[in-house]
Amino acid sequence: MSESDEEPERLENQDPNFEEDFGGKEWPFSGKRGPDEIPLPTGAACVKINDVSGGLSEKFRDFSFGGQGDQLPAIPGIFVDGVGPVPVPLWEERAQRLIEKCEKSPFGHNIGTKMDENVRKSWELQPDHVQFRNPMWKTGMEKMAATIADRLGYKDIPLHCVLYKLLVYGEGGHFLKHQDTEKKDGMIATLVVQPPSLHEGGDLVVYRHGEECGNSTLVSVFFSKFFSRVKEKHAVVLDIAKLVRKFAWGVIGKALLEALICVDWNQDDIYVMQTTLAVVRALERGQAQQDLLSFAVGKAESLPDDRLISSRSLEELWRLVLSDSDDGILSTLSRKFERMNPRLSAPAVEIFSRYLRDNHLPEERRALLVAILSCHSG
């Protein structure tokens, strides 16, 4: 081992001396090493600072995060001078009055600012014109600040959320990729609060080290990080179907299936199966539909016979499997019913009998239903 290799170890065992490390003319973190080596700082104090800083990215991985603001009241009580109360969701007439009060948003350029709607198209209002009259808003923001501090690695360090501006984005509004800047001394992050909206569309895209988190990647992040926080999951079935139709299943499918598996539903597999079937029903036949249908059949297979046979989704399950599934999915569900206690199978027998009267049912599937019925005859 060379003398230079031993130096960091010796420095780590020394007591830090900040006056010694920072008292010279040369910045102590500008260590010089070979082209294939990692530069190291000089001085015991700076080595310890370097070690602590280097471990932050491993310990605190949330450099950017978001979700539903459950800590904030649904009605913030926004009041704008010259406009009055601002309802949420915002309707067209009040939105126009709000925009008339605002100024067009500039963007930073070198040491000044510029106006160019090709770069940024939005309106803004300074904070001295905005009030939040719901007293629960202040309490909610204090709770949210504590959560943010913990997630960003500032545990037990008080952070304060300070309103910087109110922004209004209309149809076609945008702000091109940019790096946010420190607006005030001591600012360590930007918090964006979006009140409820009547409109949908648009992405908030986060970049780190040039990596983009947007489009299909953002959808995968939603499924893996935020889907579990949606309380009424059946209410977003059509939205999930829209996402599945819009983006490549090979990119977002794994994240959605893992979200369905891992979510604490606070109910049982009946609810999981029903929600998944609702998404399947909204899709056209394809790989996404097959994978989701296979997942729903897997949930059905794991249910006790009495729970499955009494489910209001039983007929829907068989309809989708008989009309849209591949042979493997059909075989899995068929085995479940072949093994079912005959005393419980009356609702299924009634469903099978109706399908056997359907002249459009393929012969091989008709034969399979007959085979299941034979297991429950006599």
Protein backbone atom coordinates (compact mmCIF):
# COMPACT_ATOMS: atom_id res chain seq x y z
CA MET A 1 0.00 0.00 0.00
CA SER A 2 1.38 3.41 -0.95
CA GLU A 3 1.69 6.36 1.39
CA SER A 4 -1.13 8.19 -0.42
CA ASP A 5 -3.48 5.23 0.16
CA GLU A 6 -2.79 5.30 3.90
CA GLU A 7 -3.45 9.04 4.21
CA PRO A 8 -7.30 8.95 4.38
CA GLU A 9 -7.20 6.28 7.10
CA ARG A 10 -4.80 8.36 9.21
CA LEU A 11 -6.95 11.46 8.75
CA GLU A 12 -10.12 9.65 9.82
CA ASN A 13 -8.48 8.76 13.13
CA GLN A 14 -7.45 12.34 13.84
CA ASP A 15 -9.53 14.87 15.77
CA PRO A 16 -11.09 17.47 13.42
CA ASN A 17 -9.44 20.90 13.41
CA PHE A 18 -11.59 23.30 11.37
CA GLU A 19 -9.19 26.25 11.74
CA GLU A 20 -6.35 24.16 10.41
CA ASP A 21 -8.38 22.69 7.51
CA PHE A 22 -10.05 25.91 6.35
CA GLY A 23 -7.38 28.42 7.34
CA GLY A 24 -5.27 28.04 4.22
CA LYS A 25 -5.67 29.68 0.86
CA GLU A 26 -6.57 26.49 -0.99
CA TRP A 27 -10.12 25.11 -0.76
CA PRO A 28 -9.71 21.82 1.16
CA PHE A 29 -12.22 19.88 -0.98
CA SER A 30 -10.26 20.38 -4.20
CA GLY A 31 -8.23 17.21 -3.73
CA LYS A 32 -6.14 16.09 -6.70
CA ARG A 33 -5.89 12.43 -7.71
CA GLY A 34 -5.16 10.38 -10.78
CA PRO A 35 -7.60 10.23 -13.75
CA ASP A 36 -9.10 6.93 -12.52
CA GLU A 37 -9.15 7.82 -8.82
CA ILE A 38 -11.68 9.61 -6.62
CA PRO A 39 -10.47 13.04 -5.40
CA LEU A 40 -10.26 13.23 -1.60
CA PRO A 41 -10.31 16.33 0.61
CA THR A 42 -7.41 17.39 2.79
CA GLY A 43 -7.64 17.65 6.56
CA ALA A 44 -9.30 15.42 9.15
CA ALA A 45 -12.37 17.65 9.52
CA CYS A 46 -13.02 17.69 5.78
CA VAL A 47 -12.61 13.93 5.52
CA LYS A 48 -15.35 13.50 8.13
CA ILE A 49 -17.60 16.01 6.32
CA ASN A 50 -16.97 14.14 3.09
CA ASP A 51 -17.90 10.81 4.69
CA VAL A 52 -21.14 12.19 6.15
CA SER A 53 -22.15 13.88 2.89
CA GLY A 54 -21.32 10.81 0.86
CA GLY A 55 -23.60 8.67 3.00
CA LEU A 56 -26.63 10.93 2.65
CA SER A 57 -27.66 9.63 -0.76
CA GLU A 58 -27.71 6.08 0.63
CA LYS A 59 -29.55 6.93 3.85
CA PHE A 60 -32.00 9.49 2.46
CA ARG A 61 -33.08 8.53 -1.05
CA ASP A 62 -36.07 10.90 -1.27
CA PHE A 63 -34.62 13.90 -3.07
CA SER A 64 -38.02 14.38 -4.70
CA PHE A 65 -41.37 12.94 -3.67
CA GLY A 66 -45.06 13.74 -3.73
CA GLY A 67 -48.53 12.40 -3.12
CA GLN A 68 -51.98 13.30 -1.89
CA GLY A 69 -51.90 16.07 0.73
CA ASP A 70 -53.97 14.31 3.38
CA GLN A 71 -52.59 16.63 6.07
CA LEU A 72 -54.16 19.67 4.39
CA PRO A 73 -57.85 20.59 4.52
CA ALA A 74 -59.84 19.97 1.33
CA ILE A 75 -61.02 23.60 1.40
CA PRO A 76 -57.99 25.86 1.96
CA GLY A 77 -60.04 29.06 2.14
CA ILE A 78 -58.01 30.92 -0.50
CA PHE A 79 -58.81 34.65 -0.61
CA VAL A 80 -57.22 36.98 -3.19
CA ASP A 81 -57.31 40.75 -2.94
CA GLY A 82 -59.55 42.20 -5.64
CA VAL A 83 -60.98 38.78 -6.50
CA GLY A 84 -62.45 37.49 -3.26
CA PRO A 85 -62.80 33.84 -2.26
CA VAL A 86 -61.23 31.39 -4.71
CA PRO A 87 -63.24 28.15 -4.83
CA VAL A 88 -61.71 24.73 -5.35
CA PRO A 89 -62.19 23.20 -7.79
CA LEU A 90 -61.78 26.48 -9.68
CA TRP A 91 -64.51 27.31 -12.21
CA GLU A 92 -64.04 29.27 -15.44
CA GLU A 93 -65.46 32.65 -14.40
CA ARG A 94 -63.40 32.84 -11.21
CA ALA A 95 -60.32 31.57 -13.04
CA GLN A 96 -60.57 34.46 -15.51
CA ARG A 97 -60.93 36.98 -12.68
CA LEU A 98 -57.90 35.47 -10.98
CA ILE A 99 -55.84 35.64 -14.19
CA GLU A 100 -56.80 39.32 -14.65
CA LYS A 101 -55.32 40.00 -11.21
CA CYS A 102 -52.11 38.09 -12.01
CA GLU A 103 -49.07 38.92 -14.10
CA LYS A 104 -47.55 36.70 -16.76
CA SER A 105 -44.77 34.54 -15.35
CA PRO A 106 -41.21 35.38 -16.41
CA PHE A 107 -38.30 32.97 -16.30
CA GLY A 108 -34.71 33.39 -15.24
CA HIS A 109 -32.16 34.07 -17.97
CA ASN A 110 -28.53 34.62 -16.99
CA ILE A 111 -28.73 37.20 -14.19
CA GLY A 112 -32.06 38.67 -15.35
CA THR A 113 -35.53 37.52 -16.39
CA LYS A 114 -37.31 37.20 -19.73
CA MET A 115 -40.86 36.72 -21.02
CA ASP A 116 -41.39 34.03 -23.63
CA GLU A 117 -44.50 31.83 -23.76
CA ASN A 118 -42.57 29.24 -25.74
CA VAL A 119 -40.54 28.67 -22.57
CA ARG A 120 -43.09 29.43 -19.88
CA LYS A 121 -46.81 30.02 -20.15
CA SER A 122 -48.49 30.71 -16.82
CA TRP A 123 -49.68 33.53 -14.58
CA GLU A 124 -48.50 34.39 -11.09
CA LEU A 125 -49.51 36.42 -8.07
CA GLN A 126 -47.24 37.62 -5.27
CA PRO A 127 -47.93 36.24 -1.77
CA ASP A 128 -48.93 39.58 -0.20
CA HIS A 129 -52.17 39.39 -2.25
CA VAL A 130 -53.05 35.85 -1.08
CA GLN A 131 -54.55 34.62 2.19
CA PHE A 132 -55.53 31.17 3.47
CA ARG A 133 -58.48 31.79 5.75
CA ASN A 134 -59.12 28.22 6.85
CA PRO A 135 -57.26 27.98 10.20
CA MET A 136 -56.68 24.28 9.57
CA TRP A 137 -54.45 25.19 6.62
CA LYS A 138 -51.70 26.55 8.89
CA THR A 139 -51.91 23.46 11.10
CA GLY A 140 -51.79 21.17 8.07
CA MET A 141 -48.78 22.96 6.61
CA GLU A 142 -46.91 22.59 9.91
CA LYS A 143 -47.57 18.85 9.89
CA MET A 144 -46.54 18.61 6.26
CA ALA A 145 -43.31 20.51 6.99
CA ALA A 146 -42.42 17.93 9.64
CA THR A 147 -43.06 15.11 7.16
CA ILE A 148 -40.95 16.81 4.50
CA ALA A 149 -38.10 17.36 6.96
CA ASP A 150 -38.08 13.69 7.89
CA ARG A 151 -38.24 12.48 4.27
CA LEU A 152 -35.42 14.80 3.16
CA GLY A 153 -33.14 13.83 6.04
CA TYR A 154 -33.71 16.87 8.28
CA LYS A 155 -35.05 14.79 11.16
CA ASP A 156 -35.85 16.87 14.27
CA ILE A 157 -34.81 20.04 12.41
CA PRO A 158 -37.75 22.48 12.12
CA LEU A 159 -38.56 23.51 8.56
CA HIS A 160 -41.04 26.25 7.65
CA CYS A 161 -43.13 26.38 4.47
CA VAL A 162 -43.28 29.96 3.18
CA LEU A 163 -45.61 30.97 0.33
CA TYR A 164 -43.51 32.25 -2.56
CA LYS A 165 -46.20 32.78 -5.20
CA LEU A 166 -49.56 31.56 -6.48
CA LEU A 167 -49.39 30.14 -10.00
CA VAL A 168 -52.21 29.63 -12.49
CA TYR A 169 -51.73 27.23 -15.41
CA GLY A 170 -54.47 27.26 -18.05
CA GLU A 171 -54.96 25.03 -21.07
CA GLY A 172 -51.64 24.74 -22.89
CA GLY A 173 -49.75 26.14 -19.91
CA HIS A 174 -46.22 24.87 -19.41
CA PHE A 175 -42.74 25.55 -18.10
CA LEU A 176 -39.88 23.92 -19.97
CA LYS A 177 -37.21 21.90 -18.20
CA HIS A 178 -35.29 24.13 -15.80
CA GLN A 179 -33.37 24.06 -12.54
CA ASP A 180 -35.15 25.66 -9.61
CA THR A 181 -33.15 28.32 -7.80
CA GLU A 182 -32.87 29.43 -4.20
CA LYS A 183 -35.42 32.20 -3.70
CA LYS A 184 -34.46 33.14 -0.13
CA ASP A 185 -31.57 32.47 2.21
CA GLY A 186 -32.01 29.12 3.93
CA MET A 187 -34.29 27.68 1.25
CA ILE A 188 -33.60 23.96 0.81
CA ALA A 189 -36.50 22.71 -1.35
CA THR A 190 -39.58 23.69 -3.35
CA LEU A 191 -43.03 22.52 -2.27
CA VAL A 192 -45.77 22.55 -4.94
CA VAL A 193 -49.35 22.32 -3.64
CA GLN A 194 -51.97 21.71 -6.33
CA PRO A 195 -55.57 22.25 -5.14
CA PRO A 196 -58.35 20.01 -6.52
CA SER A 197 -59.04 20.64 -10.22
CA LEU A 198 -61.93 19.92 -12.59
CA HIS A 199 -59.46 19.26 -15.39
CA GLU A 200 -57.00 16.46 -16.07
CA GLY A 201 -53.83 16.17 -18.08
CA GLY A 202 -50.32 17.51 -17.78
CA ASP A 203 -47.27 16.12 -16.01
CA LEU A 204 -44.97 17.37 -13.31
CA VAL A 205 -41.64 15.98 -14.51
CA VAL A 206 -38.71 15.76 -12.09
CA TYR A 207 -35.11 15.49 -13.28
CA ARG A 208 -32.10 14.48 -11.23
CA HIS A 209 -28.57 14.42 -12.64
CA GLY A 210 -30.10 14.75 -16.11
CA GLU A 211 -32.33 11.71 -15.64
CA GLU A 212 -35.99 12.25 -16.53
CA CYS A 213 -38.91 11.02 -14.48
CA GLY A 214 -41.83 11.62 -16.82
CA ASN A 215 -44.25 10.04 -19.25
CA SER A 216 -44.28 6.25 -18.82
CA THR A 217 -41.68 6.43 -16.07
CA LEU A 218 -43.90 8.82 -14.12
CA VAL A 219 -46.84 6.42 -14.52
CA SER A 220 -44.74 3.58 -13.11
CA VAL A 221 -43.72 5.80 -10.19
CA PHE A 222 -47.41 6.54 -9.53
CA PHE A 223 -48.29 2.85 -9.41
CA SER A 224 -45.31 1.89 -7.24
CA LYS A 225 -45.32 4.88 -4.84
CA PHE A 226 -48.75 6.50 -4.74
CA PHE A 227 -51.44 4.03 -5.83
CA SER A 228 -51.52 2.56 -2.33
CA ARG A 229 -52.63 5.97 -0.97
CA VAL A 230 -55.75 6.13 -3.16
CA LYS A 231 -58.52 5.21 -0.73
CA GLU A 232 -61.35 4.55 -3.20
CA LYS A 233 -59.48 2.53 -5.80
CA HIS A 234 -62.62 1.57 -7.72
CA ALA A 235 -63.13 5.29 -8.41
CA VAL A 236 -59.94 5.46 -10.50
CA VAL A 237 -60.57 2.33 -12.58
CA LEU A 238 -61.24 4.26 -15.78
CA ASP A 239 -58.18 6.43 -15.20
CA ILE A 240 -56.02 3.32 -14.79
CA ALA A 241 -57.48 1.93 -18.02
CA LYS A 242 -56.62 5.19 -19.82
CA LEU A 243 -53.02 4.92 -18.63
CA VAL A 244 -52.80 1.28 -19.70
CA ARG A 245 -54.15 2.14 -23.17
CA LYS A 246 -51.84 5.14 -23.58
CA PHE A 247 -48.50 3.68 -22.49
CA ALA A 248 -46.61 0.55 -23.48
CA TRP A 249 -47.67 -2.34 -21.25
CA GLY A 250 -44.12 -3.66 -21.28
CA VAL A 251 -43.03 -0.45 -19.54
CA ILE A 252 -45.79 0.13 -16.95
CA GLY A 253 -47.33 -3.34 -16.58
CA LYS A 254 -44.94 -4.70 -13.97
CA ALA A 255 -45.42 -1.65 -11.74
CA LEU A 256 -49.23 -1.93 -11.90
CA LEU A 257 -49.28 -5.67 -11.17
CA GLU A 258 -46.86 -5.24 -8.27
CA ALA A 259 -49.02 -2.41 -6.92
CA LEU A 260 -52.09 -4.66 -7.03
CA ILE A 261 -50.17 -7.40 -5.22
CA CYS A 262 -48.53 -5.24 -2.56
CA VAL A 263 -51.26 -2.76 -1.68
CA ASP A 264 -52.80 -3.14 1.77
CA TRP A 265 -56.38 -3.15 0.58
CA ASN A 266 -57.84 -3.21 4.11
CA GLN A 267 -60.38 -5.56 2.63
CA ASP A 268 -60.02 -8.99 1.02
CA ASP A 269 -59.22 -10.58 -2.31
CA ILE A 270 -62.85 -10.19 -3.44
CA TYR A 271 -62.33 -6.42 -3.64
CA VAL A 272 -58.98 -6.85 -5.39
CA MET A 273 -60.57 -9.20 -7.93
CA GLN A 274 -63.54 -6.88 -8.54
CA THR A 275 -61.32 -3.82 -9.06
CA THR A 276 -59.02 -5.69 -11.44
CA LEU A 277 -61.96 -7.05 -13.43
CA ALA A 278 -63.31 -3.52 -13.80
CA VAL A 279 -60.01 -2.46 -15.40
CA VAL A 280 -60.05 -5.55 -17.66
CA ARG A 281 -63.59 -4.71 -18.78
CA ALA A 282 -62.45 -1.25 -19.91
CA LEU A 283 -59.60 -2.63 -22.06
CA GLU A 284 -59.45 -4.13 -25.50
CA ARG A 285 -58.00 -7.59 -25.89
CA GLY A 286 -54.22 -7.60 -25.71
CA GLN A 287 -51.34 -8.46 -23.41
CA ALA A 288 -52.40 -5.97 -20.74
CA GLN A 289 -55.88 -7.44 -20.59
CA GLN A 290 -54.55 -11.00 -20.47
CA ASP A 291 -52.09 -10.26 -17.66
CA LEU A 292 -54.69 -8.44 -15.58
CA LEU A 293 -57.29 -11.15 -16.21
CA SER A 294 -54.75 -13.78 -15.17
CA PHE A 295 -54.13 -11.78 -11.99
CA ALA A 296 -57.88 -11.61 -11.25
CA VAL A 297 -58.24 -15.38 -11.81
CA GLY A 298 -55.31 -15.92 -9.43
CA LYS A 299 -57.18 -13.95 -6.78
CA ALA A 300 -60.33 -15.99 -7.47
CA GLU A 301 -58.34 -19.20 -7.12
CA SER A 302 -57.09 -18.15 -3.68
CA LEU A 303 -60.58 -17.35 -2.35
CA PRO A 304 -62.53 -19.83 -0.22
CA ASP A 305 -65.25 -21.49 -2.31
CA ASP A 306 -68.11 -19.95 -0.35
CA ARG A 307 -66.70 -16.43 -0.76
CA LEU A 308 -66.12 -16.81 -4.48
CA ILE A 309 -69.48 -18.41 -5.25
CA SER A 310 -71.33 -15.62 -3.41
CA SER A 311 -69.41 -12.82 -5.14
CA ARG A 312 -71.45 -10.48 -7.30
CA SER A 313 -68.53 -10.58 -9.76
CA LEU A 314 -68.79 -14.33 -10.37
CA GLU A 315 -70.70 -14.03 -13.64
CA GLU A 316 -68.50 -11.15 -14.82
CA LEU A 317 -65.42 -13.25 -14.10
CA TRP A 318 -66.69 -16.15 -16.22
CA ARG A 319 -67.92 -13.85 -19.00
CA LEU A 320 -64.50 -12.26 -19.40
CA VAL A 321 -62.63 -15.56 -19.13
CA LEU A 322 -64.87 -17.33 -21.66
CA SER A 323 -64.85 -14.47 -24.16
CA ASP A 324 -61.37 -12.99 -23.85
CA SER A 325 -58.90 -15.23 -22.03
CA ASP A 326 -56.34 -17.63 -23.40
CA ASP A 327 -56.61 -21.37 -22.70
CA GLY A 328 -54.22 -21.25 -19.75
CA ILE A 329 -56.33 -18.75 -17.81
CA LEU A 330 -59.50 -20.71 -18.60
CA SER A 331 -57.92 -23.98 -17.42
CA THR A 332 -56.86 -22.40 -14.11
CA LEU A 333 -60.36 -21.15 -13.35
CA SER A 334 -61.96 -24.41 -14.53
CA ARG A 335 -59.87 -26.49 -12.11
CA LYS A 336 -61.03 -24.28 -9.25
CA PHE A 337 -64.68 -25.07 -10.03
CA GLU A 338 -64.10 -28.75 -10.77
CA ARG A 339 -62.78 -29.17 -7.21
CA MET A 340 -65.55 -27.09 -5.66
CA ASN A 341 -67.94 -28.66 -3.16
CA PRO A 342 -71.09 -29.55 -5.18
CA ARG A 343 -73.30 -28.22 -2.39
CA LEU A 344 -71.92 -24.71 -3.05
CA SER A 345 -71.88 -24.75 -6.83
CA ALA A 346 -75.53 -23.98 -7.68
CA PRO A 347 -74.87 -20.32 -8.74
CA ALA A 348 -72.02 -21.46 -11.00
CA VAL A 349 -74.13 -24.25 -12.51
CA GLU A 350 -76.80 -21.68 -13.38
CA ILE A 351 -74.19 -19.46 -15.10
CA PHE A 352 -72.75 -22.40 -17.06
CA SER A 353 -76.21 -23.48 -18.19
CA ARG A 354 -76.89 -20.03 -19.65
CA TYR A 355 -73.61 -20.06 -21.58
CA LEU A 356 -74.32 -23.54 -22.94
CA ARG A 357 -77.45 -22.12 -24.57
CA ASP A 358 -75.27 -19.55 -26.37
CA ASN A 359 -74.76 -20.75 -29.95
CA HIS A 360 -71.73 -18.47 -30.34
CA LEU A 361 -69.67 -20.20 -27.64
CA PRO A 362 -66.73 -22.07 -29.24
CA GLU A 363 -67.08 -25.87 -29.10
CA GLU A 364 -63.91 -26.44 -27.07
CA ARG A 365 -65.14 -24.03 -24.40
CA ARG A 366 -68.61 -25.55 -24.46
CA ALA A 367 -67.02 -28.97 -23.87
CA LEU A 368 -65.05 -27.59 -20.92
CA LEU A 369 -68.21 -26.26 -19.24
CA VAL A 370 -69.92 -29.62 -19.78
CA ALA A 371 -66.94 -31.31 -18.09
CA ILE A 372 -67.25 -29.01 -15.07
CA LEU A 373 -71.00 -29.66 -14.84
CA SER A 374 -70.39 -33.40 -14.93
CA CYS A 375 -68.30 -33.04 -11.77
CA HIS A 376 -71.33 -31.56 -10.01
CA SER A 377 -74.12 -33.79 -11.40
CA GLY A 378 -75.89 -36.44 -9.43
